[in-house]
Amino acid sequence: MKTLLKTLGCLVLVAATAAGALGADPAPPAPAAASPAPAAAKPAAEARPAADPLVAVVKIVEGTVETRPAVGQPWVPVKVGDTLAEGADIRTGFRARCVLEMNKNALQVAPLAVIRIGELRRDGETVRTRILLKQGGTETNVEKKNGVKNDFAIVTPTATLSVRGTNDVQASFFPGFGGHYGLGGSGFINVMNHFTGSQTGVPPGGFTNDNALPPGQFLAQQFNPMNIDPHAFEQNEQNANSRWHTSLPAPPGLGGSTTQGSSLGVVQQSGVQPLPPPPRPKDDCGGYEY
């Protein structure tokens, strides 16, 4: 009997303990670790300032020189001291020229030329200039200045001539004849063809054309005579190909092909006298010279 009572008492104690555990409020959760404060937002990057436009100042005017601010505007005469902004067109008449100063760079526009100031602005430490040469010739001096970089280029319909700092940069273009580019002073220029992408560097005293031929190859192409068939061309054509007068043979002792001597020998043996050369032109300033 006593054992039964002890057993019932233990059960009642266990039940009361369990009931107390169920009715008790749950322990509050441990406080969460404080999250780190968000980093201060970085200030937005400042917007890059727009490029500052520059102007070209007219220094010299000879003959008829006209300009217009944009396509569709009337042409007006150019005077010394005028300022021309980006986008202005310039044209020169027969025996006319003008000189422009653009941020210490000098550009001379030759007679019968049409150009446009495509770009003329300063972007940070770089002065960007683009001269669009529609026809005619130009000569340029691009100065090197401390702290300022010159991004200067002359753009024709077929090629682009770019420089960084040189003197006596020559560029010309005429429709039907193409362009010629050279460097008469110190420095270095680069010429790239728009259609083929070929390009070449031009050292002082060198020249090239629209095809961006290396200066040595361009020189050989200009002055070396072509190899032609002596049986397919008249003697005056052979003489012209040899860079002599169009009808006069080469002077004695200065070369001449063997075919020329053999042909003359045949003529003398046949008894037919060769025709006299035609009269020289009155203006012998290269009229028939090659």
C-alpha atoms as a PDB file:
ATOM      1  CA  MET A   1       0.000   0.000   0.000  1.00  0.00           C
ATOM      2  CA  LYS A   2       2.785   2.421   0.881  1.00  0.00           C
ATOM      3  CA  THR A   3       4.589   1.561  -2.326  1.00  0.00           C
ATOM      4  CA  LEU A   4       1.479   2.385  -4.382  1.00  0.00           C
ATOM      5  CA  LEU A   5       1.088   5.763  -2.665  1.00  0.00           C
ATOM      6  CA  LYS A   6       4.717   6.621  -3.360  1.00  0.00           C
ATOM      7  CA  THR A   7       4.249   5.736  -7.017  1.00  0.00           C
ATOM      8  CA  LEU A   8       1.133   7.918  -7.353  1.00  0.00           C
ATOM      9  CA  GLY A   9       2.894  10.819  -5.652  1.00  0.00           C
ATOM     10  CA  CYS A  10       5.795  10.636  -8.097  1.00  0.00           C
ATOM     11  CA  LEU A  11       3.404  10.627 -11.056  1.00  0.00           C
ATOM     12  CA  VAL A  12       1.550  13.666  -9.708  1.00  0.00           C
ATOM     13  CA  LEU A  13       4.845  15.517  -9.242  1.00  0.00           C
ATOM     14  CA  VAL A  14       5.995  14.726 -12.760  1.00  0.00           C
ATOM     15  CA  ALA A  15       2.646  15.861 -14.196  1.00  0.00           C
ATOM     16  CA  ALA A  16       2.745  19.151 -12.306  1.00  0.00           C
ATOM     17  CA  THR A  17       6.282  19.806 -13.484  1.00  0.00           C
ATOM     18  CA  ALA A  18       5.318  19.162 -17.082  1.00  0.00           C
ATOM     19  CA  ALA A  19       2.265  21.422 -16.832  1.00  0.00           C
ATOM     20  CA  GLY A  20       4.388  24.221 -15.435  1.00  0.00           C
ATOM     21  CA  ALA A  21       6.859  23.911 -18.241  1.00  0.00           C
ATOM     22  CA  LEU A  22       4.100  24.138 -20.864  1.00  0.00           C
ATOM     23  CA  GLY A  23       2.419  27.141 -19.312  1.00  0.00           C
ATOM     24  CA  ALA A  24       5.556  29.168 -18.756  1.00  0.00           C
ATOM     25  CA  ASP A  25       6.359  31.944 -21.181  1.00  0.00           C
ATOM     26  CA  PRO A  26       9.114  31.115 -23.635  1.00  0.00           C
ATOM     27  CA  ALA A  27      12.470  32.704 -22.996  1.00  0.00           C
ATOM     28  CA  PRO A  28      12.968  35.880 -24.975  1.00  0.00           C
ATOM     29  CA  PRO A  29      15.244  35.433 -28.008  1.00  0.00           C
ATOM     30  CA  ALA A  30      18.787  36.645 -27.747  1.00  0.00           C
ATOM     31  CA  PRO A  31      19.172  40.101 -29.129  1.00  0.00           C
ATOM     32  CA  ALA A  32      20.401  40.061 -32.729  1.00  0.00           C
ATOM     33  CA  ALA A  33      23.839  41.396 -33.355  1.00  0.00           C
ATOM     34  CA  ALA A  34      23.691  44.981 -34.499  1.00  0.00           C
ATOM     35  CA  SER A  35      24.140  45.224 -38.270  1.00  0.00           C
ATOM     36  CA  PRO A  36      27.020  47.436 -39.382  1.00  0.00           C
ATOM     37  CA  ALA A  37      26.041  50.922 -40.444  1.00  0.00           C
ATOM     38  CA  PRO A  38      25.815  51.311 -44.223  1.00  0.00           C
ATOM     39  CA  ALA A  39      28.895  52.807 -45.815  1.00  0.00           C
ATOM     40  CA  ALA A  40      28.566  56.396 -46.783  1.00  0.00           C
ATOM     41  CA  ALA A  41      27.532  56.703 -50.413  1.00  0.00           C
ATOM     42  CA  LYS A  42      30.307  57.885 -52.676  1.00  0.00           C
ATOM     43  CA  PRO A  43      29.611  61.203 -54.335  1.00  0.00           C
ATOM     44  CA  ALA A  44      28.502  60.873 -57.940  1.00  0.00           C
ATOM     45  CA  ALA A  45      31.310  61.325 -60.438  1.00  0.00           C
ATOM     46  CA  GLU A  46      31.363  64.772 -61.820  1.00  0.00           C
ATOM     47  CA  ALA A  47      30.142  65.000 -65.400  1.00  0.00           C
ATOM     48  CA  ARG A  48      32.967  65.488 -67.924  1.00  0.00           C
ATOM     49  CA  PRO A  49      32.928  69.080 -69.085  1.00  0.00           C
ATOM     50  CA  ALA A  50      32.025  69.648 -72.693  1.00  0.00           C
ATOM     51  CA  ALA A  51      34.840  70.485 -75.114  1.00  0.00           C
ATOM     52  CA  ASP A  52      35.485  74.188 -75.445  1.00  0.00           C
ATOM     53  CA  PRO A  53      35.042  75.462 -79.002  1.00  0.00           C
ATOM     54  CA  LEU A  54      37.885  77.488 -80.478  1.00  0.00           C
ATOM     55  CA  VAL A  55      38.031  79.867 -83.428  1.00  0.00           C
ATOM     56  CA  ALA A  56      40.382  80.395 -86.354  1.00  0.00           C
ATOM     57  CA  VAL A  57      41.740  83.918 -86.795  1.00  0.00           C
ATOM     58  CA  VAL A  58      42.428  85.208 -90.308  1.00  0.00           C
ATOM     59  CA  LYS A  59      45.979  86.574 -90.471  1.00  0.00           C
ATOM     60  CA  ILE A  60      46.625  87.061 -94.204  1.00  0.00           C
ATOM     61  CA  VAL A  61      44.297  87.535 -97.168  1.00  0.00           C
ATOM     62  CA  GLU A  62      45.443  87.882-100.776  1.00  0.00           C
ATOM     63  CA  GLY A  63      43.041  87.977-103.689  1.00  0.00           C
ATOM     64  CA  THR A  64      39.462  86.762-103.504  1.00  0.00           C
ATOM     65  CA  VAL A  65      38.773  84.735-100.378  1.00  0.00           C
ATOM     66  CA  GLU A  66      35.234  84.021 -99.207  1.00  0.00           C
ATOM     67  CA  THR A  67      33.596  82.178 -96.325  1.00  0.00           C
ATOM     68  CA  ARG A  68      30.184  81.061 -95.117  1.00  0.00           C
ATOM     69  CA  PRO A  69      29.236  79.889 -91.617  1.00  0.00           C
ATOM     70  CA  ALA A  70      27.305  76.850 -92.820  1.00  0.00           C
ATOM     71  CA  VAL A  71      25.916  75.139 -95.910  1.00  0.00           C
ATOM     72  CA  GLY A  72      23.110  77.173 -97.429  1.00  0.00           C
ATOM     73  CA  GLN A  73      24.391  80.492 -96.083  1.00  0.00           C
ATOM     74  CA  PRO A  74      25.661  83.201 -98.457  1.00  0.00           C
ATOM     75  CA  TRP A  75      29.349  83.553 -99.201  1.00  0.00           C
ATOM     76  CA  VAL A  76      30.933  86.754 -97.865  1.00  0.00           C
ATOM     77  CA  PRO A  77      34.442  88.203 -98.321  1.00  0.00           C
ATOM     78  CA  VAL A  78      37.075  87.366 -95.721  1.00  0.00           C
ATOM     79  CA  LYS A  79      39.038  90.159 -94.053  1.00  0.00           C
ATOM     80  CA  VAL A  80      42.144  90.127 -91.896  1.00  0.00           C
ATOM     81  CA  GLY A  81      41.108  89.786 -88.270  1.00  0.00           C
ATOM     82  CA  ASP A  82      37.918  87.817 -88.942  1.00  0.00           C
ATOM     83  CA  THR A  83      37.229  84.836 -86.693  1.00  0.00           C
ATOM     84  CA  LEU A  84      35.880  81.622 -88.193  1.00  0.00           C
ATOM     85  CA  ALA A  85      34.126  79.045 -86.041  1.00  0.00           C
ATOM     86  CA  GLU A  86      33.834  75.302 -86.381  1.00  0.00           C
ATOM     87  CA  GLY A  87      31.796  74.368 -89.471  1.00  0.00           C
ATOM     88  CA  ALA A  88      32.800  77.389 -91.552  1.00  0.00           C
ATOM     89  CA  ASP A  89      33.622  76.920 -95.244  1.00  0.00           C
ATOM     90  CA  ILE A  90      36.417  78.802 -97.013  1.00  0.00           C
ATOM     91  CA  ARG A  91      37.131  79.122-100.714  1.00  0.00           C
ATOM     92  CA  THR A  92      39.922  80.927-102.536  1.00  0.00           C
ATOM     93  CA  GLY A  93      39.956  82.315-106.047  1.00  0.00           C
ATOM     94  CA  PHE A  94      42.567  82.309-108.781  1.00  0.00           C
ATOM     95  CA  ARG A  95      45.944  83.540-107.445  1.00  0.00           C
ATOM     96  CA  ALA A  96      44.411  83.966-103.998  1.00  0.00           C
ATOM     97  CA  ARG A  97      45.390  82.601-100.618  1.00  0.00           C
ATOM     98  CA  CYS A  98      44.775  83.087 -96.936  1.00  0.00           C
ATOM     99  CA  VAL A  99      46.473  82.130 -93.673  1.00  0.00           C
ATOM    100  CA  LEU A 100      44.547  81.041 -90.576  1.00  0.00           C
ATOM    101  CA  GLU A 101      45.825  80.785 -87.019  1.00  0.00           C
ATOM    102  CA  MET A 102      44.190  78.093 -84.905  1.00  0.00           C
ATOM    103  CA  ASN A 103      45.502  77.837 -81.356  1.00  0.00           C
ATOM    104  CA  LYS A 104      49.047  78.736 -82.480  1.00  0.00           C
ATOM    105  CA  ASN A 105      48.802  76.350 -85.466  1.00  0.00           C
ATOM    106  CA  ALA A 106      49.080  78.015 -88.879  1.00  0.00           C
ATOM    107  CA  LEU A 107      47.187  76.866 -91.982  1.00  0.00           C
ATOM    108  CA  GLN A 108      47.760  78.366 -95.432  1.00  0.00           C
ATOM    109  CA  VAL A 109      45.032  77.789 -98.024  1.00  0.00           C
ATOM    110  CA  ALA A 110      46.305  77.792-101.617  1.00  0.00           C
ATOM    111  CA  PRO A 111      44.515  79.175-104.702  1.00  0.00           C
ATOM    112  CA  LEU A 112      41.388  77.470-106.048  1.00  0.00           C
ATOM    113  CA  ALA A 113      40.813  75.615-102.790  1.00  0.00           C
ATOM    114  CA  VAL A 114      37.645  74.745-100.897  1.00  0.00           C
ATOM    115  CA  ILE A 115      37.991  73.677 -97.261  1.00  0.00           C
ATOM    116  CA  ARG A 116      35.836  73.348 -94.145  1.00  0.00           C
ATOM    117  CA  ILE A 117      36.805  73.666 -90.504  1.00  0.00           C
ATOM    118  CA  GLY A 118      35.319  70.318 -89.555  1.00  0.00           C
ATOM    119  CA  GLU A 119      36.384  70.400 -85.901  1.00  0.00           C
ATOM    120  CA  LEU A 120      38.184  72.983 -83.806  1.00  0.00           C
ATOM    121  CA  ARG A 121      37.864  72.486 -80.057  1.00  0.00           C
ATOM    122  CA  ARG A 122      39.808  71.912 -76.882  1.00  0.00           C
ATOM    123  CA  ASP A 123      39.001  68.814 -74.852  1.00  0.00           C
ATOM    124  CA  GLY A 124      40.988  68.832 -71.632  1.00  0.00           C
ATOM    125  CA  GLU A 125      44.659  68.965 -72.567  1.00  0.00           C
ATOM    126  CA  THR A 126      44.055  68.041 -76.225  1.00  0.00           C
ATOM    127  CA  VAL A 127      43.248  70.416 -79.069  1.00  0.00           C
ATOM    128  CA  ARG A 128      41.379  68.529 -81.785  1.00  0.00           C
ATOM    129  CA  THR A 129      41.420  69.995 -85.306  1.00  0.00           C
ATOM    130  CA  ARG A 130      39.946  68.517 -88.483  1.00  0.00           C
ATOM    131  CA  ILE A 131      40.337  70.347 -91.806  1.00  0.00           C
ATOM    132  CA  LEU A 132      38.123  68.914 -94.541  1.00  0.00           C
ATOM    133  CA  LEU A 133      39.885  69.528 -97.861  1.00  0.00           C
ATOM    134  CA  LYS A 134      37.410  69.243-100.733  1.00  0.00           C
ATOM    135  CA  GLN A 135      39.858  70.481-103.357  1.00  0.00           C
ATOM    136  CA  GLY A 136      43.012  72.543-103.643  1.00  0.00           C
ATOM    137  CA  GLY A 137      46.120  72.616-101.498  1.00  0.00           C
ATOM    138  CA  THR A 138      47.158  73.515 -97.956  1.00  0.00           C
ATOM    139  CA  GLU A 139      50.376  73.963 -96.000  1.00  0.00           C
ATOM    140  CA  THR A 140      50.332  73.615 -92.231  1.00  0.00           C
ATOM    141  CA  ASN A 141      52.608  74.197 -89.247  1.00  0.00           C
ATOM    142  CA  VAL A 142      51.483  72.293 -86.163  1.00  0.00           C
ATOM    143  CA  GLU A 143      53.268  73.525 -83.054  1.00  0.00           C
ATOM    144  CA  LYS A 144      54.335  71.419 -80.083  1.00  0.00           C
ATOM    145  CA  LYS A 145      53.493  73.146 -76.813  1.00  0.00           C
ATOM    146  CA  ASN A 146      54.164  72.027 -73.277  1.00  0.00           C
ATOM    147  CA  GLY A 147      51.086  70.554 -71.638  1.00  0.00           C
ATOM    148  CA  VAL A 148      48.923  70.691 -74.785  1.00  0.00           C
ATOM    149  CA  LYS A 149      48.491  67.802 -77.211  1.00  0.00           C
ATOM    150  CA  ASN A 150      47.615  68.499 -80.824  1.00  0.00           C
ATOM    151  CA  ASP A 151      45.291  66.055 -82.561  1.00  0.00           C
ATOM    152  CA  PHE A 152      45.464  67.576 -86.045  1.00  0.00           C
ATOM    153  CA  ALA A 153      44.318  65.962 -89.290  1.00  0.00           C
ATOM    154  CA  ILE A 154      43.560  66.974 -92.866  1.00  0.00           C
ATOM    155  CA  VAL A 155      40.792  64.872 -94.383  1.00  0.00           C
ATOM    156  CA  THR A 156      40.287  64.585 -98.161  1.00  0.00           C
ATOM    157  CA  PRO A 157      37.621  62.508 -99.936  1.00  0.00           C
ATOM    158  CA  THR A 158      40.091  59.617-100.220  1.00  0.00           C
ATOM    159  CA  ALA A 159      42.629  59.806 -97.375  1.00  0.00           C
ATOM    160  CA  THR A 160      43.453  61.273 -93.977  1.00  0.00           C
ATOM    161  CA  LEU A 161      46.744  62.932 -93.090  1.00  0.00           C
ATOM    162  CA  SER A 162      47.392  63.109 -89.348  1.00  0.00           C
ATOM    163  CA  VAL A 163      50.163  64.911 -87.457  1.00  0.00           C
ATOM    164  CA  ARG A 164      51.123  65.619 -83.858  1.00  0.00           C
ATOM    165  CA  GLY A 165      53.641  68.424 -84.212  1.00  0.00           C
ATOM    166  CA  THR A 166      55.481  69.173 -87.441  1.00  0.00           C
ATOM    167  CA  ASN A 167      56.289  71.987 -89.849  1.00  0.00           C
ATOM    168  CA  ASP A 168      55.515  72.403 -93.547  1.00  0.00           C
ATOM    169  CA  VAL A 169      52.871  69.696 -93.861  1.00  0.00           C
ATOM    170  CA  GLN A 170      51.647  69.695 -97.466  1.00  0.00           C
ATOM    171  CA  ALA A 171      48.351  68.274 -98.673  1.00  0.00           C
ATOM    172  CA  SER A 172      46.507  68.681-101.963  1.00  0.00           C
ATOM    173  CA  PHE A 173      43.534  67.061-103.633  1.00  0.00           C
ATOM    174  CA  PHE A 174      41.783  67.606-106.963  1.00  0.00           C
ATOM    175  CA  PRO A 175      38.897  65.485-108.274  1.00  0.00           C
ATOM    176  CA  GLY A 176      40.110  63.247-111.073  1.00  0.00           C
ATOM    177  CA  PHE A 177      43.748  63.617-110.039  1.00  0.00           C
ATOM    178  CA  GLY A 178      43.647  62.407-106.454  1.00  0.00           C
ATOM    179  CA  GLY A 179      45.677  63.602-103.518  1.00  0.00           C
ATOM    180  CA  HIS A 180      49.347  64.152-102.733  1.00  0.00           C
ATOM    181  CA  TYR A 181      50.755  64.475 -99.236  1.00  0.00           C
ATOM    182  CA  GLY A 182      54.230  65.395 -98.081  1.00  0.00           C
ATOM    183  CA  LEU A 183      56.388  66.762 -95.307  1.00  0.00           C
ATOM    184  CA  GLY A 184      58.841  69.535 -96.088  1.00  0.00           C
ATOM    185  CA  GLY A 185      59.973  70.243 -92.535  1.00  0.00           C
ATOM    186  CA  SER A 186      60.876  68.243 -89.469  1.00  0.00           C
ATOM    187  CA  GLY A 187      58.702  65.698 -87.735  1.00  0.00           C
ATOM    188  CA  PHE A 188      56.581  62.844 -89.029  1.00  0.00           C
ATOM    189  CA  ILE A 189      53.140  62.414 -90.596  1.00  0.00           C
ATOM    190  CA  ASN A 190      50.872  59.455 -91.249  1.00  0.00           C
ATOM    191  CA  VAL A 191      48.591  58.955 -94.285  1.00  0.00           C
ATOM    192  CA  MET A 192      45.751  56.405 -94.386  1.00  0.00           C
ATOM    193  CA  ASN A 193      43.506  55.482 -97.314  1.00  0.00           C
ATOM    194  CA  HIS A 194      39.786  55.580 -96.486  1.00  0.00           C
ATOM    195  CA  PHE A 195      38.800  52.621 -98.669  1.00  0.00           C
ATOM    196  CA  THR A 196      41.597  50.078 -98.230  1.00  0.00           C
ATOM    197  CA  GLY A 197      42.777  51.031 -94.759  1.00  0.00           C
ATOM    198  CA  SER A 198      46.396  50.967 -95.932  1.00  0.00           C
ATOM    199  CA  GLN A 199      48.629  53.552 -94.297  1.00  0.00           C
ATOM    200  CA  THR A 200      52.210  54.718 -94.329  1.00  0.00           C
ATOM    201  CA  GLY A 201      54.459  57.066 -92.429  1.00  0.00           C
ATOM    202  CA  VAL A 202      56.162  59.935 -94.224  1.00  0.00           C
ATOM    203  CA  PRO A 203      59.505  61.282 -92.941  1.00  0.00           C
ATOM    204  CA  PRO A 204      60.933  64.732 -93.715  1.00  0.00           C
ATOM    205  CA  GLY A 205      61.307  65.242 -97.462  1.00  0.00           C
ATOM    206  CA  GLY A 206      58.969  62.348 -98.282  1.00  0.00           C
ATOM    207  CA  PHE A 207      55.749  62.260-100.279  1.00  0.00           C
ATOM    208  CA  THR A 208      52.944  59.798-100.869  1.00  0.00           C
ATOM    209  CA  ASN A 209      49.543  59.625-102.555  1.00  0.00           C
ATOM    210  CA  ASP A 210      45.987  58.440-101.873  1.00  0.00           C
ATOM    211  CA  ASN A 211      47.092  54.802-101.952  1.00  0.00           C
ATOM    212  CA  ALA A 212      49.449  55.472 -99.020  1.00  0.00           C
ATOM    213  CA  LEU A 213      52.439  54.118-100.920  1.00  0.00           C
ATOM    214  CA  PRO A 214      55.710  54.130 -98.982  1.00  0.00           C
ATOM    215  CA  PRO A 215      57.627  57.288 -99.939  1.00  0.00           C
ATOM    216  CA  GLY A 216      60.391  55.361-101.695  1.00  0.00           C
ATOM    217  CA  GLN A 217      57.940  53.406-103.813  1.00  0.00           C
ATOM    218  CA  PHE A 218      55.978  56.569-104.593  1.00  0.00           C
ATOM    219  CA  LEU A 219      59.159  58.307-105.766  1.00  0.00           C
ATOM    220  CA  ALA A 220      60.101  55.410-108.023  1.00  0.00           C
ATOM    221  CA  GLN A 221      56.619  55.323-109.509  1.00  0.00           C
ATOM    222  CA  GLN A 222      56.782  59.021-110.318  1.00  0.00           C
ATOM    223  CA  PHE A 223      60.203  59.183-111.980  1.00  0.00           C
ATOM    224  CA  ASN A 224      61.213  55.751-113.214  1.00  0.00           C
ATOM    225  CA  PRO A 225      60.226  55.175-116.861  1.00  0.00           C
ATOM    226  CA  MET A 226      57.860  52.353-117.670  1.00  0.00           C
ATOM    227  CA  ASN A 227      58.970  49.353-119.679  1.00  0.00           C
ATOM    228  CA  ILE A 228      57.133  49.541-122.986  1.00  0.00           C
ATOM    229  CA  ASP A 229      57.327  47.459-126.133  1.00  0.00           C
ATOM    230  CA  PRO A 230      59.457  49.364-128.700  1.00  0.00           C
ATOM    231  CA  HIS A 231      57.570  47.688-131.549  1.00  0.00           C
ATOM    232  CA  ALA A 232      54.195  48.947-130.352  1.00  0.00           C
ATOM    233  CA  PHE A 233      55.046  52.634-129.868  1.00  0.00           C
ATOM    234  CA  GLU A 234      56.323  55.376-132.112  1.00  0.00           C
ATOM    235  CA  GLN A 235      59.754  56.839-131.486  1.00  0.00           C
ATOM    236  CA  ASN A 236      58.381  60.052-130.034  1.00  0.00           C
ATOM    237  CA  GLU A 237      56.306  57.971-127.584  1.00  0.00           C
ATOM    238  CA  GLN A 238      59.404  56.054-126.577  1.00  0.00           C
ATOM    239  CA  ASN A 239      61.242  59.323-126.057  1.00  0.00           C
ATOM    240  CA  ALA A 240      58.416  60.642-123.912  1.00  0.00           C
ATOM    241  CA  ASN A 241      58.457  57.475-121.830  1.00  0.00           C
ATOM    242  CA  SER A 242      62.196  57.966-121.292  1.00  0.00           C
ATOM    243  CA  ARG A 243      61.454  61.423-119.844  1.00  0.00           C
ATOM    244  CA  TRP A 244      62.812  63.352-122.793  1.00  0.00           C
ATOM    245  CA  HIS A 245      60.962  65.710-125.100  1.00  0.00           C
ATOM    246  CA  THR A 246      57.979  64.131-126.728  1.00  0.00           C
ATOM    247  CA  SER A 247      59.648  64.004-130.129  1.00  0.00           C
ATOM    248  CA  LEU A 248      63.334  64.682-129.646  1.00  0.00           C
ATOM    249  CA  PRO A 249      65.628  61.689-129.120  1.00  0.00           C
ATOM    250  CA  ALA A 250      67.859  61.403-126.092  1.00  0.00           C
ATOM    251  CA  PRO A 251      71.012  63.546-126.314  1.00  0.00           C
ATOM    252  CA  PRO A 252      74.130  61.594-127.340  1.00  0.00           C
ATOM    253  CA  GLY A 253      76.009  60.039-124.463  1.00  0.00           C
ATOM    254  CA  LEU A 254      73.085  60.321-122.023  1.00  0.00           C
ATOM    255  CA  GLY A 255      71.666  56.903-122.542  1.00  0.00           C
ATOM    256  CA  GLY A 256      68.930  55.908-124.870  1.00  0.00           C
ATOM    257  CA  SER A 257      67.702  52.471-125.761  1.00  0.00           C
ATOM    258  CA  THR A 258      69.424  50.124-128.167  1.00  0.00           C
ATOM    259  CA  THR A 259      66.228  49.935-130.157  1.00  0.00           C
ATOM    260  CA  GLN A 260      66.577  53.622-130.940  1.00  0.00           C
ATOM    261  CA  GLY A 261      70.009  53.128-132.514  1.00  0.00           C
ATOM    262  CA  SER A 262      68.921  50.054-134.444  1.00  0.00           C
ATOM    263  CA  SER A 263      65.832  51.754-135.785  1.00  0.00           C
ATOM    264  CA  LEU A 264      67.877  54.757-136.900  1.00  0.00           C
ATOM    265  CA  GLY A 265      70.322  52.408-138.556  1.00  0.00           C
ATOM    266  CA  VAL A 266      67.534  50.777-140.528  1.00  0.00           C
ATOM    267  CA  VAL A 267      66.263  54.160-141.636  1.00  0.00           C
ATOM    268  CA  GLN A 268      69.706  55.266-142.813  1.00  0.00           C
ATOM    269  CA  GLN A 269      70.320  52.047-144.674  1.00  0.00           C
ATOM    270  CA  SER A 270      67.010  52.279-146.484  1.00  0.00           C
ATOM    271  CA  GLY A 271      67.915  55.745-147.736  1.00  0.00           C
ATOM    272  CA  VAL A 272      64.848  57.421-146.155  1.00  0.00           C
ATOM    273  CA  GLN A 273      65.690  60.574-144.281  1.00  0.00           C
ATOM    274  CA  PRO A 274      64.029  60.856-140.826  1.00  0.00           C
ATOM    275  CA  LEU A 275      61.520  63.647-140.339  1.00  0.00           C
ATOM    276  CA  PRO A 276      62.835  66.765-138.631  1.00  0.00           C
ATOM    277  CA  PRO A 277      61.674  67.305-135.078  1.00  0.00           C
ATOM    278  CA  PRO A 278      58.724  69.644-134.572  1.00  0.00           C
ATOM    279  CA  PRO A 279      59.457  73.211-133.440  1.00  0.00           C
ATOM    280  CA  ARG A 280      59.963  73.786-129.762  1.00  0.00           C
ATOM    281  CA  PRO A 281      57.092  75.451-127.912  1.00  0.00           C
ATOM    282  CA  LYS A 282      57.541  79.157-127.356  1.00  0.00           C
ATOM    283  CA  ASP A 283      57.024  78.805-123.618  1.00  0.00           C
ATOM    284  CA  ASP A 284      59.618  76.222-122.742  1.00  0.00           C
ATOM    285  CA  CYS A 285      58.784  76.138-119.025  1.00  0.00           C
ATOM    286  CA  GLY A 286      58.163  72.445-118.996  1.00  0.00           C
ATOM    287  CA  GLY A 287      55.549  72.297-121.716  1.00  0.00           C
ATOM    288  CA  TYR A 288      56.780  68.968-123.062  1.00  0.00           C
ATOM    289  CA  GLU A 289      59.119  68.143-120.228  1.00  0.00           C
ATOM    290  CA  TYR A 290      58.368  65.121-118.060  1.00  0.00           C
END
